[in-house]
Amino acid sequence: MISTLSVRLAVLVPLTLFGAASAFGTPLILDASFERQAELQQARGWYPNGTSVLYGASWNNWGWSSWTGINGSGAWKGGAIARTEEFAAGWKRAHTGGVFGIIKDRQTMSQTFTAIEDAIGTLSWFDANRPAWRNIDWYGRPNDYSVTLTDVIGNLQVIGNYTSQVAFDDGGWWTEAAKARWYERIGKDIVLKAGMTYTLSFNSLSPYWYDQNGGRHVDDRTTFLDDITLTTRATGVATPEPSSLVLVGIGVLVVAVARRR
């Protein structure tokens, strides 16, 4: 009887814990890789000649660019998008699919959503810098940006401050491996309240510089973004205490014994 009890409890405990953990991992961010945004605004290069086939621009195809501002037709507001291997973006490849997001200079790109439950959220994404065409000082300078979450009341949660950089390998930024390389980011946990509306923002913080006449300008720096995902774990789901799990196991065992008799 003792060995039977041990086996039954060992099976019951992980099943109960798995049920409590199933509320984790609910995605909230729409169009995380910007594909839908490109479709909605029929971004240049997305529908060439009336088809839905993506294609790239060759080295001698100057003046042609898919880099375009987000027009507000989709989930995202502000910033820009470009298709993979866009020449004006240094032939950077999208991390997923064929499109990536862009914040430049002092741009902000944002998305608004409403929480459906009290939860702790974790934001993750990939970033990279606009590749430097000639050297690190031309377009390729590291760019600072912040990620924030603001509710409709005005309460601000800072998810983090980051610096994007050009992806290199031993052969430079123009190799196939470097063009495909992105850097994963995971932000600080955020608190979500059921029914509250939030705005998630990616804020480019390119520095200012001053000309000889004292005029202020924003330095030309750029951050690329892709695969932006917010996952949550509900705060209202209680994890069973070990003692309660034991009692559940004993109760099931008693019922099983009674039925055998």
C-alpha atoms as a PDB file:
ATOM      1  CA  MET A   1       0.000   0.000   0.000  1.00  0.00           C
ATOM      2  CA  ILE A   2       2.812   2.441   0.758  1.00  0.00           C
ATOM      3  CA  SER A   3       4.414   2.007  -2.663  1.00  0.00           C
ATOM      4  CA  THR A   4       1.033   2.487  -4.360  1.00  0.00           C
ATOM      5  CA  LEU A   5       0.427   5.737  -2.462  1.00  0.00           C
ATOM      6  CA  SER A   6       3.861   7.077  -3.446  1.00  0.00           C
ATOM      7  CA  VAL A   7       3.286   6.396  -7.127  1.00  0.00           C
ATOM      8  CA  ARG A   8      -0.183   7.939  -7.187  1.00  0.00           C
ATOM      9  CA  LEU A   9       0.986  11.131  -5.450  1.00  0.00           C
ATOM     10  CA  ALA A  10       3.964  11.466  -7.765  1.00  0.00           C
ATOM     11  CA  VAL A  11       1.607  11.441 -10.749  1.00  0.00           C
ATOM     12  CA  LEU A  12      -0.954  13.810  -9.250  1.00  0.00           C
ATOM     13  CA  VAL A  13       1.413  16.595  -8.224  1.00  0.00           C
ATOM     14  CA  PRO A  14       2.835  17.542 -11.662  1.00  0.00           C
ATOM     15  CA  LEU A  15      -0.627  17.369 -13.261  1.00  0.00           C
ATOM     16  CA  THR A  16      -2.030  19.845 -10.749  1.00  0.00           C
ATOM     17  CA  LEU A  17       0.932  22.224 -11.130  1.00  0.00           C
ATOM     18  CA  PHE A  18       0.627  22.098 -14.916  1.00  0.00           C
ATOM     19  CA  GLY A  19      -3.000  23.181 -14.675  1.00  0.00           C
ATOM     20  CA  ALA A  20      -2.042  26.205 -12.569  1.00  0.00           C
ATOM     21  CA  ALA A  21       0.679  27.255 -15.032  1.00  0.00           C
ATOM     22  CA  SER A  22      -1.512  27.104 -18.129  1.00  0.00           C
ATOM     23  CA  ALA A  23      -2.619  30.746 -17.717  1.00  0.00           C
ATOM     24  CA  PHE A  24       0.915  31.948 -18.567  1.00  0.00           C
ATOM     25  CA  GLY A  25       2.104  33.182 -21.973  1.00  0.00           C
ATOM     26  CA  THR A  26      -0.839  35.088 -23.500  1.00  0.00           C
ATOM     27  CA  PRO A  27       0.302  37.257 -26.470  1.00  0.00           C
ATOM     28  CA  LEU A  28      -1.046  40.834 -26.534  1.00  0.00           C
ATOM     29  CA  ILE A  29       0.916  42.788 -29.158  1.00  0.00           C
ATOM     30  CA  LEU A  30      -0.615  42.777 -32.649  1.00  0.00           C
ATOM     31  CA  ASP A  31       1.465  42.558 -35.835  1.00  0.00           C
ATOM     32  CA  ALA A  32       4.661  41.889 -33.912  1.00  0.00           C
ATOM     33  CA  SER A  33       6.787  41.677 -37.068  1.00  0.00           C
ATOM     34  CA  PHE A  34       5.045  44.467 -39.081  1.00  0.00           C
ATOM     35  CA  GLU A  35       3.858  42.200 -41.906  1.00  0.00           C
ATOM     36  CA  ARG A  36       0.223  43.253 -41.570  1.00  0.00           C
ATOM     37  CA  GLN A  37       1.185  46.924 -41.512  1.00  0.00           C
ATOM     38  CA  ALA A  38       2.920  46.577 -44.877  1.00  0.00           C
ATOM     39  CA  GLU A  39      -0.119  44.832 -46.347  1.00  0.00           C
ATOM     40  CA  LEU A  40      -2.626  47.402 -45.079  1.00  0.00           C
ATOM     41  CA  GLN A  41      -0.767  50.395 -46.491  1.00  0.00           C
ATOM     42  CA  GLN A  42       0.433  48.461 -49.549  1.00  0.00           C
ATOM     43  CA  ALA A  43       3.988  49.475 -48.821  1.00  0.00           C
ATOM     44  CA  ARG A  44       6.209  49.919 -51.840  1.00  0.00           C
ATOM     45  CA  GLY A  45       7.851  46.644 -52.684  1.00  0.00           C
ATOM     46  CA  TRP A  46       5.115  44.651 -50.963  1.00  0.00           C
ATOM     47  CA  TYR A  47       2.758  44.602 -53.971  1.00  0.00           C
ATOM     48  CA  PRO A  48       5.061  44.984 -56.981  1.00  0.00           C
ATOM     49  CA  ASN A  49       3.102  44.904 -60.253  1.00  0.00           C
ATOM     50  CA  GLY A  50      -0.099  43.935 -58.475  1.00  0.00           C
ATOM     51  CA  THR A  51       1.306  40.748 -56.941  1.00  0.00           C
ATOM     52  CA  SER A  52       2.052  39.894 -53.322  1.00  0.00           C
ATOM     53  CA  VAL A  53       5.636  38.787 -54.008  1.00  0.00           C
ATOM     54  CA  LEU A  54       8.452  40.589 -52.214  1.00  0.00           C
ATOM     55  CA  TYR A  55      11.545  41.526 -54.158  1.00  0.00           C
ATOM     56  CA  GLY A  56      14.706  43.501 -53.467  1.00  0.00           C
ATOM     57  CA  ALA A  57      16.387  46.458 -55.136  1.00  0.00           C
ATOM     58  CA  SER A  58      19.737  45.935 -56.800  1.00  0.00           C
ATOM     59  CA  TRP A  59      22.849  48.020 -56.090  1.00  0.00           C
ATOM     60  CA  ASN A  60      22.273  50.183 -59.165  1.00  0.00           C
ATOM     61  CA  ASN A  61      18.593  50.779 -58.448  1.00  0.00           C
ATOM     62  CA  TRP A  62      19.123  54.104 -56.635  1.00  0.00           C
ATOM     63  CA  GLY A  63      16.118  56.258 -55.892  1.00  0.00           C
ATOM     64  CA  TRP A  64      13.866  53.246 -55.306  1.00  0.00           C
ATOM     65  CA  SER A  65      13.056  52.549 -51.678  1.00  0.00           C
ATOM     66  CA  SER A  66      10.499  50.642 -49.645  1.00  0.00           C
ATOM     67  CA  TRP A  67      11.387  52.644 -46.505  1.00  0.00           C
ATOM     68  CA  THR A  68       8.115  54.403 -45.688  1.00  0.00           C
ATOM     69  CA  GLY A  69       6.463  56.027 -42.692  1.00  0.00           C
ATOM     70  CA  ILE A  70       3.746  54.096 -40.865  1.00  0.00           C
ATOM     71  CA  ASN A  71       0.480  55.686 -41.958  1.00  0.00           C
ATOM     72  CA  GLY A  72      -1.684  54.675 -39.006  1.00  0.00           C
ATOM     73  CA  SER A  73      -3.808  52.147 -40.890  1.00  0.00           C
ATOM     74  CA  GLY A  74      -2.764  49.266 -38.652  1.00  0.00           C
ATOM     75  CA  ALA A  75      -1.953  48.560 -35.025  1.00  0.00           C
ATOM     76  CA  TRP A  76       1.250  50.628 -35.049  1.00  0.00           C
ATOM     77  CA  LYS A  77       1.478  54.429 -34.982  1.00  0.00           C
ATOM     78  CA  GLY A  78       4.572  56.510 -35.805  1.00  0.00           C
ATOM     79  CA  GLY A  79       7.983  55.377 -36.969  1.00  0.00           C
ATOM     80  CA  ALA A  80       8.498  53.611 -40.277  1.00  0.00           C
ATOM     81  CA  ILE A  81       8.760  50.192 -41.919  1.00  0.00           C
ATOM     82  CA  ALA A  82      10.957  48.711 -44.632  1.00  0.00           C
ATOM     83  CA  ARG A  83      11.064  45.381 -46.397  1.00  0.00           C
ATOM     84  CA  THR A  84      13.937  42.967 -45.924  1.00  0.00           C
ATOM     85  CA  GLU A  85      17.193  43.894 -47.721  1.00  0.00           C
ATOM     86  CA  GLU A  86      16.024  47.456 -48.316  1.00  0.00           C
ATOM     87  CA  PHE A  87      18.990  49.277 -49.869  1.00  0.00           C
ATOM     88  CA  ALA A  88      18.392  52.522 -47.925  1.00  0.00           C
ATOM     89  CA  ALA A  89      18.486  50.494 -44.709  1.00  0.00           C
ATOM     90  CA  GLY A  90      21.840  48.947 -45.605  1.00  0.00           C
ATOM     91  CA  TRP A  91      20.409  45.693 -46.979  1.00  0.00           C
ATOM     92  CA  LYS A  92      19.415  44.559 -43.501  1.00  0.00           C
ATOM     93  CA  ARG A  93      17.347  41.376 -43.434  1.00  0.00           C
ATOM     94  CA  ALA A  94      14.180  41.206 -41.342  1.00  0.00           C
ATOM     95  CA  HIS A  95      14.491  38.960 -38.316  1.00  0.00           C
ATOM     96  CA  THR A  96      11.171  37.283 -39.162  1.00  0.00           C
ATOM     97  CA  GLY A  97       9.197  37.499 -42.391  1.00  0.00           C
ATOM     98  CA  GLY A  98       9.893  40.291 -44.852  1.00  0.00           C
ATOM     99  CA  VAL A  99       9.347  43.576 -42.970  1.00  0.00           C
ATOM    100  CA  PHE A 100      10.856  45.337 -39.935  1.00  0.00           C
ATOM    101  CA  GLY A 101      10.072  48.479 -37.952  1.00  0.00           C
ATOM    102  CA  ILE A 102      12.198  51.642 -37.745  1.00  0.00           C
ATOM    103  CA  ILE A 103      12.629  54.509 -35.287  1.00  0.00           C
ATOM    104  CA  LYS A 104      14.978  57.299 -36.298  1.00  0.00           C
ATOM    105  CA  ASP A 105      16.250  60.571 -34.816  1.00  0.00           C
ATOM    106  CA  ARG A 106      13.568  61.481 -32.223  1.00  0.00           C
ATOM    107  CA  GLN A 107      10.711  59.356 -33.553  1.00  0.00           C
ATOM    108  CA  THR A 108       8.330  57.336 -31.390  1.00  0.00           C
ATOM    109  CA  MET A 109       6.554  54.206 -32.555  1.00  0.00           C
ATOM    110  CA  SER A 110       3.660  52.963 -30.420  1.00  0.00           C
ATOM    111  CA  GLN A 111       0.753  50.565 -30.082  1.00  0.00           C
ATOM    112  CA  THR A 112      -2.285  50.749 -27.763  1.00  0.00           C
ATOM    113  CA  PHE A 113      -3.990  47.753 -26.139  1.00  0.00           C
ATOM    114  CA  THR A 114      -6.347  46.947 -23.251  1.00  0.00           C
ATOM    115  CA  ALA A 115      -5.410  44.389 -20.594  1.00  0.00           C
ATOM    116  CA  ILE A 116      -7.974  41.610 -20.168  1.00  0.00           C
ATOM    117  CA  GLU A 117      -6.805  40.516 -16.712  1.00  0.00           C
ATOM    118  CA  ASP A 118      -4.569  41.523 -13.836  1.00  0.00           C
ATOM    119  CA  ALA A 119      -1.163  40.278 -14.882  1.00  0.00           C
ATOM    120  CA  ILE A 120       2.586  40.692 -14.866  1.00  0.00           C
ATOM    121  CA  GLY A 121       3.871  41.277 -18.408  1.00  0.00           C
ATOM    122  CA  THR A 122       7.261  40.675 -19.995  1.00  0.00           C
ATOM    123  CA  LEU A 123       8.186  42.388 -23.259  1.00  0.00           C
ATOM    124  CA  SER A 124      10.745  40.910 -25.645  1.00  0.00           C
ATOM    125  CA  TRP A 125      11.956  42.028 -29.089  1.00  0.00           C
ATOM    126  CA  PHE A 126      14.953  42.153 -31.409  1.00  0.00           C
ATOM    127  CA  ASP A 127      16.904  45.248 -32.395  1.00  0.00           C
ATOM    128  CA  ALA A 128      19.769  46.199 -34.703  1.00  0.00           C
ATOM    129  CA  ASN A 129      21.314  49.373 -36.039  1.00  0.00           C
ATOM    130  CA  ARG A 130      21.197  50.800 -39.508  1.00  0.00           C
ATOM    131  CA  PRO A 131      24.381  49.373 -41.068  1.00  0.00           C
ATOM    132  CA  ALA A 132      27.213  51.794 -41.751  1.00  0.00           C
ATOM    133  CA  TRP A 133      27.710  51.981 -45.501  1.00  0.00           C
ATOM    134  CA  ARG A 134      31.346  53.133 -45.397  1.00  0.00           C
ATOM    135  CA  ASN A 135      32.405  53.025 -41.775  1.00  0.00           C
ATOM    136  CA  ILE A 136      31.013  53.172 -38.266  1.00  0.00           C
ATOM    137  CA  ASP A 137      30.641  56.971 -38.417  1.00  0.00           C
ATOM    138  CA  TRP A 138      28.224  57.126 -41.349  1.00  0.00           C
ATOM    139  CA  TYR A 139      24.687  56.146 -40.262  1.00  0.00           C
ATOM    140  CA  GLY A 140      26.112  53.338 -38.172  1.00  0.00           C
ATOM    141  CA  ARG A 141      26.601  55.227 -34.928  1.00  0.00           C
ATOM    142  CA  PRO A 142      24.966  53.473 -31.926  1.00  0.00           C
ATOM    143  CA  ASN A 143      21.507  54.815 -31.162  1.00  0.00           C
ATOM    144  CA  ASP A 144      19.921  55.141 -27.723  1.00  0.00           C
ATOM    145  CA  TYR A 145      16.227  54.474 -27.273  1.00  0.00           C
ATOM    146  CA  SER A 146      13.775  53.881 -24.442  1.00  0.00           C
ATOM    147  CA  VAL A 147      10.773  51.576 -24.141  1.00  0.00           C
ATOM    148  CA  THR A 148       7.847  52.753 -22.016  1.00  0.00           C
ATOM    149  CA  LEU A 149       4.297  51.766 -21.074  1.00  0.00           C
ATOM    150  CA  THR A 150       1.776  54.488 -20.204  1.00  0.00           C
ATOM    151  CA  ASP A 151      -1.815  53.983 -19.063  1.00  0.00           C
ATOM    152  CA  VAL A 152      -4.733  56.310 -19.902  1.00  0.00           C
ATOM    153  CA  ILE A 153      -4.392  58.021 -16.518  1.00  0.00           C
ATOM    154  CA  GLY A 154      -0.791  58.950 -17.307  1.00  0.00           C
ATOM    155  CA  ASN A 155       1.054  56.488 -15.079  1.00  0.00           C
ATOM    156  CA  LEU A 156       4.398  55.613 -16.681  1.00  0.00           C
ATOM    157  CA  GLN A 157       6.341  52.358 -16.454  1.00  0.00           C
ATOM    158  CA  VAL A 158       9.846  52.381 -17.929  1.00  0.00           C
ATOM    159  CA  ILE A 159      10.562  49.000 -19.458  1.00  0.00           C
ATOM    160  CA  GLY A 160      14.166  49.957 -20.093  1.00  0.00           C
ATOM    161  CA  ASN A 161      16.786  52.068 -21.881  1.00  0.00           C
ATOM    162  CA  TYR A 162      18.827  50.480 -24.639  1.00  0.00           C
ATOM    163  CA  THR A 163      21.469  51.146 -27.274  1.00  0.00           C
ATOM    164  CA  SER A 164      21.227  49.531 -30.708  1.00  0.00           C
ATOM    165  CA  GLN A 165      24.373  48.731 -32.663  1.00  0.00           C
ATOM    166  CA  VAL A 166      25.389  47.585 -36.108  1.00  0.00           C
ATOM    167  CA  ALA A 167      25.634  43.800 -36.419  1.00  0.00           C
ATOM    168  CA  PHE A 168      29.128  42.716 -37.470  1.00  0.00           C
ATOM    169  CA  ASP A 169      30.992  39.503 -37.895  1.00  0.00           C
ATOM    170  CA  ASP A 170      34.631  38.812 -38.848  1.00  0.00           C
ATOM    171  CA  GLY A 171      33.928  39.913 -42.414  1.00  0.00           C
ATOM    172  CA  GLY A 172      32.251  43.214 -41.550  1.00  0.00           C
ATOM    173  CA  TRP A 173      28.596  44.292 -41.683  1.00  0.00           C
ATOM    174  CA  TRP A 174      27.990  43.397 -45.337  1.00  0.00           C
ATOM    175  CA  THR A 175      28.313  39.607 -44.986  1.00  0.00           C
ATOM    176  CA  GLU A 176      25.248  37.391 -45.178  1.00  0.00           C
ATOM    177  CA  ALA A 177      25.586  36.471 -41.497  1.00  0.00           C
ATOM    178  CA  ALA A 178      25.849  40.090 -40.371  1.00  0.00           C
ATOM    179  CA  LYS A 179      22.878  41.215 -42.471  1.00  0.00           C
ATOM    180  CA  ALA A 180      20.755  38.538 -40.810  1.00  0.00           C
ATOM    181  CA  ARG A 181      21.992  39.145 -37.254  1.00  0.00           C
ATOM    182  CA  TRP A 182      19.752  40.813 -34.634  1.00  0.00           C
ATOM    183  CA  TYR A 183      20.069  41.267 -30.869  1.00  0.00           C
ATOM    184  CA  GLU A 184      17.420  39.931 -28.501  1.00  0.00           C
ATOM    185  CA  ARG A 185      16.089  42.198 -25.747  1.00  0.00           C
ATOM    186  CA  ILE A 186      13.980  41.333 -22.712  1.00  0.00           C
ATOM    187  CA  GLY A 187      12.563  44.244 -20.734  1.00  0.00           C
ATOM    188  CA  LYS A 188      11.696  44.706 -17.077  1.00  0.00           C
ATOM    189  CA  ASP A 189       8.431  43.197 -15.885  1.00  0.00           C
ATOM    190  CA  ILE A 190       5.393  45.472 -16.094  1.00  0.00           C
ATOM    191  CA  VAL A 191       2.145  45.471 -14.102  1.00  0.00           C
ATOM    192  CA  LEU A 192      -1.143  45.266 -16.018  1.00  0.00           C
ATOM    193  CA  LYS A 193      -4.619  45.902 -14.578  1.00  0.00           C
ATOM    194  CA  ALA A 194      -7.730  44.329 -16.064  1.00  0.00           C
ATOM    195  CA  GLY A 195      -9.711  46.775 -18.213  1.00  0.00           C
ATOM    196  CA  MET A 196      -6.924  49.394 -18.307  1.00  0.00           C
ATOM    197  CA  THR A 197      -5.758  50.729 -21.675  1.00  0.00           C
ATOM    198  CA  TYR A 198      -2.005  51.102 -22.221  1.00  0.00           C
ATOM    199  CA  THR A 199       0.273  52.576 -24.863  1.00  0.00           C
ATOM    200  CA  LEU A 200       3.548  50.779 -25.520  1.00  0.00           C
ATOM    201  CA  SER A 201       6.162  53.137 -27.003  1.00  0.00           C
ATOM    202  CA  PHE A 202       9.615  52.748 -28.541  1.00  0.00           C
ATOM    203  CA  ASN A 203      11.300  56.161 -28.336  1.00  0.00           C
ATOM    204  CA  SER A 204      14.414  57.009 -30.352  1.00  0.00           C
ATOM    205  CA  LEU A 205      16.775  59.268 -28.379  1.00  0.00           C
ATOM    206  CA  SER A 206      19.333  60.283 -31.000  1.00  0.00           C
ATOM    207  CA  PRO A 207      21.524  63.095 -29.620  1.00  0.00           C
ATOM    208  CA  TYR A 208      21.460  66.717 -30.753  1.00  0.00           C
ATOM    209  CA  TRP A 209      24.375  68.548 -32.344  1.00  0.00           C
ATOM    210  CA  TYR A 210      24.925  72.261 -33.010  1.00  0.00           C
ATOM    211  CA  ASP A 211      26.233  73.915 -36.143  1.00  0.00           C
ATOM    212  CA  GLN A 212      28.602  76.913 -36.260  1.00  0.00           C
ATOM    213  CA  ASN A 213      25.643  79.300 -36.067  1.00  0.00           C
ATOM    214  CA  GLY A 214      24.240  77.681 -32.960  1.00  0.00           C
ATOM    215  CA  GLY A 215      21.455  75.884 -34.792  1.00  0.00           C
ATOM    216  CA  ARG A 216      20.347  72.639 -33.172  1.00  0.00           C
ATOM    217  CA  HIS A 217      19.980  69.445 -35.197  1.00  0.00           C
ATOM    218  CA  VAL A 218      19.199  65.802 -34.421  1.00  0.00           C
ATOM    219  CA  ASP A 219      22.013  63.431 -35.300  1.00  0.00           C
ATOM    220  CA  ASP A 220      21.119  60.923 -38.025  1.00  0.00           C
ATOM    221  CA  ARG A 221      20.837  57.654 -36.101  1.00  0.00           C
ATOM    222  CA  THR A 222      18.459  54.742 -36.538  1.00  0.00           C
ATOM    223  CA  THR A 223      17.198  51.662 -34.674  1.00  0.00           C
ATOM    224  CA  PHE A 224      15.522  48.695 -36.362  1.00  0.00           C
ATOM    225  CA  LEU A 225      12.928  46.629 -34.455  1.00  0.00           C
ATOM    226  CA  ASP A 226      11.325  43.242 -35.111  1.00  0.00           C
ATOM    227  CA  ASP A 227       9.376  40.443 -33.374  1.00  0.00           C
ATOM    228  CA  ILE A 228       7.944  42.572 -30.548  1.00  0.00           C
ATOM    229  CA  THR A 229       6.078  40.299 -28.138  1.00  0.00           C
ATOM    230  CA  LEU A 230       4.351  40.888 -24.800  1.00  0.00           C
ATOM    231  CA  THR A 231       3.556  37.777 -22.766  1.00  0.00           C
ATOM    232  CA  THR A 232       1.695  37.764 -19.462  1.00  0.00           C
ATOM    233  CA  ARG A 233       1.195  35.630 -16.409  1.00  0.00           C
ATOM    234  CA  ALA A 234      -2.041  36.178 -14.516  1.00  0.00           C
ATOM    235  CA  THR A 235      -1.632  37.394 -10.939  1.00  0.00           C
ATOM    236  CA  GLY A 236      -5.011  36.020  -9.854  1.00  0.00           C
ATOM    237  CA  VAL A 237      -4.126  32.332 -10.359  1.00  0.00           C
ATOM    238  CA  ALA A 238      -3.152  30.742  -7.050  1.00  0.00           C
ATOM    239  CA  THR A 239      -0.569  27.962  -7.013  1.00  0.00           C
ATOM    240  CA  PRO A 240      -1.706  25.053  -4.790  1.00  0.00           C
ATOM    241  CA  GLU A 241       0.254  24.583  -1.579  1.00  0.00           C
ATOM    242  CA  PRO A 242       2.176  21.292  -1.206  1.00  0.00           C
ATOM    243  CA  SER A 243      -0.075  20.254   1.702  1.00  0.00           C
ATOM    244  CA  SER A 244      -3.208  20.669  -0.418  1.00  0.00           C
ATOM    245  CA  LEU A 245      -1.662  18.576  -3.182  1.00  0.00           C
ATOM    246  CA  VAL A 246      -0.997  15.772  -0.698  1.00  0.00           C
ATOM    247  CA  LEU A 247      -4.591  15.930   0.556  1.00  0.00           C
ATOM    248  CA  VAL A 248      -5.910  15.764  -3.005  1.00  0.00           C
ATOM    249  CA  GLY A 249      -3.757  12.709  -3.667  1.00  0.00           C
ATOM    250  CA  ILE A 250      -4.909  10.963  -0.494  1.00  0.00           C
ATOM    251  CA  GLY A 251      -8.534  11.730  -1.320  1.00  0.00           C
ATOM    252  CA  VAL A 252      -8.253  10.193  -4.771  1.00  0.00           C
ATOM    253  CA  LEU A 253      -6.523   7.170  -3.281  1.00  0.00           C
ATOM    254  CA  VAL A 254      -9.298   6.649  -0.715  1.00  0.00           C
ATOM    255  CA  VAL A 255     -11.942   6.802  -3.444  1.00  0.00           C
ATOM    256  CA  ALA A 256     -10.024   4.305  -5.568  1.00  0.00           C
ATOM    257  CA  VAL A 257      -9.675   1.882  -2.634  1.00  0.00           C
ATOM    258  CA  ALA A 258     -13.336   2.211  -1.760  1.00  0.00           C
ATOM    259  CA  ARG A 259     -14.365   1.406  -5.353  1.00  0.00           C
ATOM    260  CA  ARG A 260     -12.172  -1.702  -5.385  1.00  0.00           C
ATOM    261  CA  ARG A 261     -13.910  -2.963  -2.246  1.00  0.00           C
END
